Amino acid sequence: MNVEPQFEVNAVLKTDLFGRIERGTAHTDGQTRPAVRRWTACAPLWLRPIAWYLATRETRALARLGTVEGVPHLLAARARGGALRTWIPGLPLHDAQPTDPAFYGEARRLLIRIHRQGITHNDTHKEPNWLVTEDGAPALVDFQLASRHRHRSRWFRLCAREDVRHLLKHKRKYCPDALTNRERAILRKKSWPARLWRRTVKKPYRWFTRRVLGWRDDEGRGMGQGGGGKGR
């Protein structure tokens, strides 16, 4: 990834105060492939450091994940925090609404593959971050809040468990009869950071992001349809 690929923009999928997400075509290593670019250089100056930080977290997580199946593959990291990654065709979870228990089993195994690389996603509660690909398999996108862990520490295990718990919330919504007793027990037991967030940070965070930034947690909804295509 030393040579920056050429990128042709076909559509803008999303624009907010943290920059743009564009769908287009990447030309790299003699190949042409559909790609997505997260570009932060157009963010306002006062928010650009935050946009850069979030984009950098994503590029570093994707770099460590390499070619793990079911996540985007990093094509190029940009100096100003943007990134170019592969496009995954599919429908967001809230559009596909899968009711097959096998989908959630595959999604659980996808999380295992991600966790084995020392990465926790930390944002699996958002349905737009989960895709149902064209062959019905799960995929996970948007690694801006992902964490890299050197060791399987207590904090790593807690974050990994939260990734799974939020996936199970989606299973409970779309496929409730398939929940096992163990899965129901996981859903009942929230971690202490989740409880602390809900009691102290969640309300001011929502007020700031929605009233000041004009941004919503579920802004990715419909993103798969942006530019006349499905996927992320």
C-alpha atoms as a PDB file:
ATOM      1  CA  MET A   1       0.000   0.000   0.000  1.00  0.00           C
ATOM      2  CA  ASN A   2       2.946   2.351  -0.587  1.00  0.00           C
ATOM      3  CA  VAL A   3       1.533   3.559  -3.911  1.00  0.00           C
ATOM      4  CA  GLU A   4      -1.754   5.388  -3.515  1.00  0.00           C
ATOM      5  CA  PRO A   5      -4.417   3.916  -5.815  1.00  0.00           C
ATOM      6  CA  GLN A   6      -6.354   6.099  -8.197  1.00  0.00           C
ATOM      7  CA  PHE A   7      -9.967   6.551  -7.179  1.00  0.00           C
ATOM      8  CA  GLU A   8     -12.910   7.659  -9.320  1.00  0.00           C
ATOM      9  CA  VAL A   9     -15.961   8.880  -7.409  1.00  0.00           C
ATOM     10  CA  ASN A  10     -19.305   7.556  -8.639  1.00  0.00           C
ATOM     11  CA  ALA A  11     -21.557   8.663  -5.788  1.00  0.00           C
ATOM     12  CA  VAL A  12     -21.469  10.354  -2.387  1.00  0.00           C
ATOM     13  CA  LEU A  13     -23.029   7.997   0.141  1.00  0.00           C
ATOM     14  CA  LYS A  14     -22.917  10.285   3.151  1.00  0.00           C
ATOM     15  CA  THR A  15     -21.834  13.813   4.070  1.00  0.00           C
ATOM     16  CA  ASP A  16     -21.645  15.154   7.607  1.00  0.00           C
ATOM     17  CA  LEU A  17     -19.434  17.326   9.794  1.00  0.00           C
ATOM     18  CA  PHE A  18     -16.797  14.576   9.877  1.00  0.00           C
ATOM     19  CA  GLY A  19     -16.336  14.512   6.104  1.00  0.00           C
ATOM     20  CA  ARG A  20     -17.622  12.433   3.200  1.00  0.00           C
ATOM     21  CA  ILE A  21     -18.049   8.771   2.395  1.00  0.00           C
ATOM     22  CA  GLU A  22     -17.830   8.150  -1.332  1.00  0.00           C
ATOM     23  CA  ARG A  23     -18.442   5.108  -3.477  1.00  0.00           C
ATOM     24  CA  GLY A  24     -16.412   4.665  -6.602  1.00  0.00           C
ATOM     25  CA  THR A  25     -13.798   2.640  -8.452  1.00  0.00           C
ATOM     26  CA  ALA A  26     -10.238   2.021  -7.297  1.00  0.00           C
ATOM     27  CA  HIS A  27      -7.377   1.265  -9.677  1.00  0.00           C
ATOM     28  CA  THR A  28      -4.618  -0.571  -7.816  1.00  0.00           C
ATOM     29  CA  ASP A  29      -2.108  -3.333  -8.543  1.00  0.00           C
ATOM     30  CA  GLY A  30      -3.330  -3.529 -12.118  1.00  0.00           C
ATOM     31  CA  GLN A  31      -6.881  -4.232 -10.950  1.00  0.00           C
ATOM     32  CA  THR A  32     -10.095  -2.244 -10.994  1.00  0.00           C
ATOM     33  CA  ARG A  33     -12.525  -2.853  -8.165  1.00  0.00           C
ATOM     34  CA  PRO A  34     -15.493  -1.193  -6.437  1.00  0.00           C
ATOM     35  CA  ALA A  35     -14.324   0.761  -3.420  1.00  0.00           C
ATOM     36  CA  VAL A  36     -15.370   3.192  -0.699  1.00  0.00           C
ATOM     37  CA  ARG A  37     -13.390   6.254   0.359  1.00  0.00           C
ATOM     38  CA  ARG A  38     -13.767   7.944   3.737  1.00  0.00           C
ATOM     39  CA  TRP A  39     -12.454  11.484   3.261  1.00  0.00           C
ATOM     40  CA  THR A  40     -11.955  13.858   6.203  1.00  0.00           C
ATOM     41  CA  ALA A  41     -10.163  16.766   4.521  1.00  0.00           C
ATOM     42  CA  CYS A  42     -13.507  18.463   3.814  1.00  0.00           C
ATOM     43  CA  ALA A  43     -14.513  18.476   7.499  1.00  0.00           C
ATOM     44  CA  PRO A  44     -14.627  21.855   9.291  1.00  0.00           C
ATOM     45  CA  LEU A  45     -11.266  22.830  10.780  1.00  0.00           C
ATOM     46  CA  TRP A  46     -12.566  22.655  14.361  1.00  0.00           C
ATOM     47  CA  LEU A  47     -13.761  19.078  13.864  1.00  0.00           C
ATOM     48  CA  ARG A  48     -11.008  17.839  11.596  1.00  0.00           C
ATOM     49  CA  PRO A  49      -8.827  16.445  14.429  1.00  0.00           C
ATOM     50  CA  ILE A  50     -11.761  14.311  15.655  1.00  0.00           C
ATOM     51  CA  ALA A  51     -12.579  13.189  12.107  1.00  0.00           C
ATOM     52  CA  TRP A  52      -8.920  12.321  11.538  1.00  0.00           C
ATOM     53  CA  TYR A  53      -8.775  10.398  14.812  1.00  0.00           C
ATOM     54  CA  LEU A  54     -11.855   8.317  14.015  1.00  0.00           C
ATOM     55  CA  ALA A  55     -10.708   7.581  10.463  1.00  0.00           C
ATOM     56  CA  THR A  56      -7.271   6.585  11.739  1.00  0.00           C
ATOM     57  CA  ARG A  57      -8.805   4.137  14.198  1.00  0.00           C
ATOM     58  CA  GLU A  58     -10.619   2.523  11.278  1.00  0.00           C
ATOM     59  CA  THR A  59      -7.572   2.280   9.021  1.00  0.00           C
ATOM     60  CA  ARG A  60      -5.440   0.750  11.770  1.00  0.00           C
ATOM     61  CA  ALA A  61      -8.123  -1.795  12.634  1.00  0.00           C
ATOM     62  CA  LEU A  62      -8.621  -2.782   8.985  1.00  0.00           C
ATOM     63  CA  ALA A  63      -4.861  -2.988   8.489  1.00  0.00           C
ATOM     64  CA  ARG A  64      -4.596  -5.517  11.301  1.00  0.00           C
ATOM     65  CA  LEU A  65      -7.605  -7.491  10.067  1.00  0.00           C
ATOM     66  CA  GLY A  66      -5.971  -7.847   6.661  1.00  0.00           C
ATOM     67  CA  THR A  67      -8.017 -10.160   4.459  1.00  0.00           C
ATOM     68  CA  VAL A  68     -10.383 -11.498   7.120  1.00  0.00           C
ATOM     69  CA  GLU A  69     -13.537 -12.542   5.310  1.00  0.00           C
ATOM     70  CA  GLY A  70     -16.644 -10.520   6.124  1.00  0.00           C
ATOM     71  CA  VAL A  71     -14.992  -7.124   6.710  1.00  0.00           C
ATOM     72  CA  PRO A  72     -13.756  -4.457   4.273  1.00  0.00           C
ATOM     73  CA  HIS A  73     -10.153  -4.774   3.134  1.00  0.00           C
ATOM     74  CA  LEU A  74      -7.961  -1.695   3.370  1.00  0.00           C
ATOM     75  CA  LEU A  75      -6.651  -0.520   0.007  1.00  0.00           C
ATOM     76  CA  ALA A  76      -4.933   2.684   1.110  1.00  0.00           C
ATOM     77  CA  ALA A  77      -4.616   4.857   4.196  1.00  0.00           C
ATOM     78  CA  ARG A  78      -4.626   8.571   3.545  1.00  0.00           C
ATOM     79  CA  ALA A  79      -2.225  10.994   5.216  1.00  0.00           C
ATOM     80  CA  ARG A  80      -5.046  13.236   6.445  1.00  0.00           C
ATOM     81  CA  GLY A  81      -6.980  10.391   8.016  1.00  0.00           C
ATOM     82  CA  GLY A  82      -9.100   9.289   5.093  1.00  0.00           C
ATOM     83  CA  ALA A  83      -9.088   5.720   3.892  1.00  0.00           C
ATOM     84  CA  LEU A  84      -9.836   3.669   0.805  1.00  0.00           C
ATOM     85  CA  ARG A  85     -11.350   0.240   1.317  1.00  0.00           C
ATOM     86  CA  THR A  86     -13.183  -2.421  -0.608  1.00  0.00           C
ATOM     87  CA  TRP A  87     -16.929  -2.243  -1.208  1.00  0.00           C
ATOM     88  CA  ILE A  88     -19.100  -5.071   0.163  1.00  0.00           C
ATOM     89  CA  PRO A  89     -22.341  -5.580  -1.800  1.00  0.00           C
ATOM     90  CA  GLY A  90     -25.337  -6.283   0.401  1.00  0.00           C
ATOM     91  CA  LEU A  91     -28.262  -4.893   2.381  1.00  0.00           C
ATOM     92  CA  PRO A  92     -28.081  -3.277   5.837  1.00  0.00           C
ATOM     93  CA  LEU A  93     -29.518  -5.429   8.589  1.00  0.00           C
ATOM     94  CA  HIS A  94     -32.532  -3.166   9.145  1.00  0.00           C
ATOM     95  CA  ASP A  95     -33.504  -3.584   5.474  1.00  0.00           C
ATOM     96  CA  ALA A  96     -32.780  -7.312   5.132  1.00  0.00           C
ATOM     97  CA  GLN A  97     -34.216  -8.276   8.558  1.00  0.00           C
ATOM     98  CA  PRO A  98     -32.861 -11.852   8.433  1.00  0.00           C
ATOM     99  CA  THR A  99     -34.930 -14.428  10.306  1.00  0.00           C
ATOM    100  CA  ASP A 100     -32.704 -17.455   9.624  1.00  0.00           C
ATOM    101  CA  PRO A 101     -30.858 -18.531  12.813  1.00  0.00           C
ATOM    102  CA  ALA A 102     -27.908 -19.613  10.643  1.00  0.00           C
ATOM    103  CA  PHE A 103     -27.200 -15.974   9.785  1.00  0.00           C
ATOM    104  CA  TYR A 104     -26.636 -15.088  13.429  1.00  0.00           C
ATOM    105  CA  GLY A 105     -24.451 -18.139  13.925  1.00  0.00           C
ATOM    106  CA  GLU A 106     -22.280 -17.002  11.026  1.00  0.00           C
ATOM    107  CA  ALA A 107     -22.251 -13.455  12.430  1.00  0.00           C
ATOM    108  CA  ARG A 108     -21.028 -14.834  15.767  1.00  0.00           C
ATOM    109  CA  ARG A 109     -18.235 -16.682  13.976  1.00  0.00           C
ATOM    110  CA  LEU A 110     -17.343 -13.469  12.135  1.00  0.00           C
ATOM    111  CA  LEU A 111     -16.898 -11.746  15.482  1.00  0.00           C
ATOM    112  CA  ILE A 112     -14.680 -14.617  16.623  1.00  0.00           C
ATOM    113  CA  ARG A 113     -12.440 -14.096  13.562  1.00  0.00           C
ATOM    114  CA  ILE A 114     -12.252 -10.377  14.288  1.00  0.00           C
ATOM    115  CA  HIS A 115     -11.501 -10.907  17.982  1.00  0.00           C
ATOM    116  CA  ARG A 116      -8.760 -13.420  17.188  1.00  0.00           C
ATOM    117  CA  GLN A 117      -6.903 -10.593  15.482  1.00  0.00           C
ATOM    118  CA  GLY A 118      -7.028  -8.534  18.674  1.00  0.00           C
ATOM    119  CA  ILE A 119      -9.758  -6.202  17.375  1.00  0.00           C
ATOM    120  CA  THR A 120     -13.065  -5.347  19.007  1.00  0.00           C
ATOM    121  CA  HIS A 121     -15.614  -3.447  16.901  1.00  0.00           C
ATOM    122  CA  ASN A 122     -17.346  -1.577  19.758  1.00  0.00           C
ATOM    123  CA  ASP A 123     -20.262  -0.467  17.557  1.00  0.00           C
ATOM    124  CA  THR A 124     -22.166  -3.650  16.751  1.00  0.00           C
ATOM    125  CA  HIS A 125     -25.378  -2.241  18.225  1.00  0.00           C
ATOM    126  CA  LYS A 126     -25.955  -0.181  15.058  1.00  0.00           C
ATOM    127  CA  GLU A 127     -27.943  -2.177  12.541  1.00  0.00           C
ATOM    128  CA  PRO A 128     -26.494  -0.264   9.526  1.00  0.00           C
ATOM    129  CA  ASN A 129     -23.055  -1.601  10.489  1.00  0.00           C
ATOM    130  CA  TRP A 130     -24.214  -5.154   9.773  1.00  0.00           C
ATOM    131  CA  LEU A 131     -24.737  -6.212   6.174  1.00  0.00           C
ATOM    132  CA  VAL A 132     -26.446  -9.221   4.656  1.00  0.00           C
ATOM    133  CA  THR A 133     -24.365  -9.926   1.571  1.00  0.00           C
ATOM    134  CA  GLU A 134     -25.708 -11.079  -1.775  1.00  0.00           C
ATOM    135  CA  ASP A 135     -25.166 -14.730  -0.795  1.00  0.00           C
ATOM    136  CA  GLY A 136     -26.853 -14.246   2.592  1.00  0.00           C
ATOM    137  CA  ALA A 137     -23.678 -14.085   4.679  1.00  0.00           C
ATOM    138  CA  PRO A 138     -23.012 -11.470   7.392  1.00  0.00           C
ATOM    139  CA  ALA A 139     -20.501  -8.656   6.987  1.00  0.00           C
ATOM    140  CA  LEU A 140     -19.447  -5.944   9.407  1.00  0.00           C
ATOM    141  CA  VAL A 141     -18.425  -2.397   8.404  1.00  0.00           C
ATOM    142  CA  ASP A 142     -17.586   0.974  10.005  1.00  0.00           C
ATOM    143  CA  PHE A 143     -14.598   0.367  12.289  1.00  0.00           C
ATOM    144  CA  GLN A 144     -14.220   4.003  13.430  1.00  0.00           C
ATOM    145  CA  LEU A 145     -14.735   3.049  17.080  1.00  0.00           C
ATOM    146  CA  ALA A 146     -12.784  -0.216  16.897  1.00  0.00           C
ATOM    147  CA  SER A 147     -10.037  -0.937  19.423  1.00  0.00           C
ATOM    148  CA  ARG A 148      -6.770  -2.780  18.924  1.00  0.00           C
ATOM    149  CA  HIS A 149      -5.678  -4.978  21.811  1.00  0.00           C
ATOM    150  CA  ARG A 150      -2.213  -6.413  22.370  1.00  0.00           C
ATOM    151  CA  HIS A 151      -3.370  -8.995  24.873  1.00  0.00           C
ATOM    152  CA  ARG A 152      -6.543 -10.846  25.759  1.00  0.00           C
ATOM    153  CA  SER A 153      -6.885  -8.703  28.860  1.00  0.00           C
ATOM    154  CA  ARG A 154      -9.956  -8.292  31.015  1.00  0.00           C
ATOM    155  CA  TRP A 155     -10.802  -5.131  29.052  1.00  0.00           C
ATOM    156  CA  PHE A 156     -10.499  -7.012  25.750  1.00  0.00           C
ATOM    157  CA  ARG A 157     -12.803  -9.762  26.981  1.00  0.00           C
ATOM    158  CA  LEU A 158     -15.321  -7.202  28.204  1.00  0.00           C
ATOM    159  CA  CYS A 159     -15.341  -5.376  24.845  1.00  0.00           C
ATOM    160  CA  ALA A 160     -15.583  -8.662  22.933  1.00  0.00           C
ATOM    161  CA  ARG A 161     -18.518  -9.733  25.083  1.00  0.00           C
ATOM    162  CA  GLU A 162     -20.287  -6.441  24.364  1.00  0.00           C
ATOM    163  CA  ASP A 163     -19.789  -7.023  20.620  1.00  0.00           C
ATOM    164  CA  VAL A 164     -21.564 -10.362  21.031  1.00  0.00           C
ATOM    165  CA  ARG A 165     -24.285  -8.999  23.324  1.00  0.00           C
ATOM    166  CA  HIS A 166     -25.284  -6.338  20.818  1.00  0.00           C
ATOM    167  CA  LEU A 167     -25.373  -8.915  18.013  1.00  0.00           C
ATOM    168  CA  LEU A 168     -27.720 -10.989  20.164  1.00  0.00           C
ATOM    169  CA  LYS A 169     -29.998  -7.960  20.547  1.00  0.00           C
ATOM    170  CA  HIS A 170     -30.462  -8.031  16.774  1.00  0.00           C
ATOM    171  CA  LYS A 171     -31.138 -11.759  16.914  1.00  0.00           C
ATOM    172  CA  ARG A 172     -33.717 -11.150  19.635  1.00  0.00           C
ATOM    173  CA  LYS A 173     -35.411  -8.576  17.419  1.00  0.00           C
ATOM    174  CA  TYR A 174     -35.565 -10.577  14.187  1.00  0.00           C
ATOM    175  CA  CYS A 175     -35.222 -14.195  15.319  1.00  0.00           C
ATOM    176  CA  PRO A 176     -36.332 -14.359  18.981  1.00  0.00           C
ATOM    177  CA  ASP A 177     -37.448 -18.001  19.025  1.00  0.00           C
ATOM    178  CA  ALA A 178     -33.921 -19.162  18.153  1.00  0.00           C
ATOM    179  CA  LEU A 179     -32.257 -17.603  21.233  1.00  0.00           C
ATOM    180  CA  THR A 180     -30.644 -20.163  23.504  1.00  0.00           C
ATOM    181  CA  ASN A 181     -30.753 -20.004  27.296  1.00  0.00           C
ATOM    182  CA  ARG A 182     -27.092 -18.979  27.364  1.00  0.00           C
ATOM    183  CA  GLU A 183     -27.738 -16.200  24.862  1.00  0.00           C
ATOM    184  CA  ARG A 184     -30.654 -14.927  26.947  1.00  0.00           C
ATOM    185  CA  ALA A 185     -28.349 -14.872  29.973  1.00  0.00           C
ATOM    186  CA  ILE A 186     -25.774 -12.811  28.041  1.00  0.00           C
ATOM    187  CA  LEU A 187     -28.485 -10.343  27.035  1.00  0.00           C
ATOM    188  CA  ARG A 188     -29.612  -9.914  30.647  1.00  0.00           C
ATOM    189  CA  LYS A 189     -26.110  -9.114  31.917  1.00  0.00           C
ATOM    190  CA  LYS A 190     -24.919  -5.691  30.794  1.00  0.00           C
ATOM    191  CA  SER A 191     -21.289  -4.797  31.399  1.00  0.00           C
ATOM    192  CA  TRP A 192     -20.429  -2.045  33.874  1.00  0.00           C
ATOM    193  CA  PRO A 193     -19.255   0.351  31.088  1.00  0.00           C
ATOM    194  CA  ALA A 194     -22.608  -0.126  29.333  1.00  0.00           C
ATOM    195  CA  ARG A 195     -24.481   0.651  32.561  1.00  0.00           C
ATOM    196  CA  LEU A 196     -22.240   3.635  33.295  1.00  0.00           C
ATOM    197  CA  TRP A 197     -22.667   4.993  29.751  1.00  0.00           C
ATOM    198  CA  ARG A 198     -26.438   4.739  29.994  1.00  0.00           C
ATOM    199  CA  ARG A 199     -26.589   6.515  33.360  1.00  0.00           C
ATOM    200  CA  THR A 200     -24.063   9.315  32.785  1.00  0.00           C
ATOM    201  CA  VAL A 201     -22.947   9.906  29.185  1.00  0.00           C
ATOM    202  CA  LYS A 202     -25.702   8.771  26.841  1.00  0.00           C
ATOM    203  CA  LYS A 203     -28.080  11.718  27.237  1.00  0.00           C
ATOM    204  CA  PRO A 204     -25.461  14.526  26.895  1.00  0.00           C
ATOM    205  CA  TYR A 205     -23.819  12.620  24.032  1.00  0.00           C
ATOM    206  CA  ARG A 206     -27.108  12.405  22.156  1.00  0.00           C
ATOM    207  CA  TRP A 207     -27.855  16.086  22.818  1.00  0.00           C
ATOM    208  CA  PHE A 208     -24.421  17.198  21.556  1.00  0.00           C
ATOM    209  CA  THR A 209     -24.334  15.003  18.456  1.00  0.00           C
ATOM    210  CA  ARG A 210     -27.929  15.715  17.422  1.00  0.00           C
ATOM    211  CA  ARG A 211     -28.355  19.369  18.424  1.00  0.00           C
ATOM    212  CA  VAL A 212     -24.812  20.699  17.925  1.00  0.00           C
ATOM    213  CA  LEU A 213     -23.422  18.419  15.207  1.00  0.00           C
ATOM    214  CA  GLY A 214     -26.739  17.594  13.539  1.00  0.00           C
ATOM    215  CA  TRP A 215     -25.673  13.944  13.500  1.00  0.00           C
ATOM    216  CA  ARG A 216     -27.597  10.831  14.525  1.00  0.00           C
ATOM    217  CA  ASP A 217     -26.382   7.397  15.602  1.00  0.00           C
ATOM    218  CA  ASP A 218     -28.527   5.767  12.933  1.00  0.00           C
ATOM    219  CA  GLU A 219     -27.438   8.102  10.139  1.00  0.00           C
ATOM    220  CA  GLY A 220     -26.097   5.124   8.236  1.00  0.00           C
ATOM    221  CA  ARG A 221     -29.650   3.981   7.563  1.00  0.00           C
ATOM    222  CA  GLY A 222     -30.326   3.919   3.868  1.00  0.00           C
ATOM    223  CA  MET A 223     -26.639   4.303   3.147  1.00  0.00           C
ATOM    224  CA  GLY A 224     -26.627   1.007   1.310  1.00  0.00           C
ATOM    225  CA  GLN A 225     -28.940   2.564  -1.265  1.00  0.00           C
ATOM    226  CA  GLY A 226     -26.798   5.654  -1.755  1.00  0.00           C
ATOM    227  CA  GLY A 227     -25.679   6.241  -5.292  1.00  0.00           C
ATOM    228  CA  GLY A 228     -27.956   3.598  -6.729  1.00  0.00           C
ATOM    229  CA  GLY A 229     -26.153   0.632  -5.194  1.00  0.00           C
ATOM    230  CA  LYS A 230     -26.541  -1.746  -2.279  1.00  0.00           C
ATOM    231  CA  GLY A 231     -23.758  -2.379   0.155  1.00  0.00           C
ATOM    232  CA  ARG A 232     -21.117  -0.610   2.177  1.00  0.00           C
END
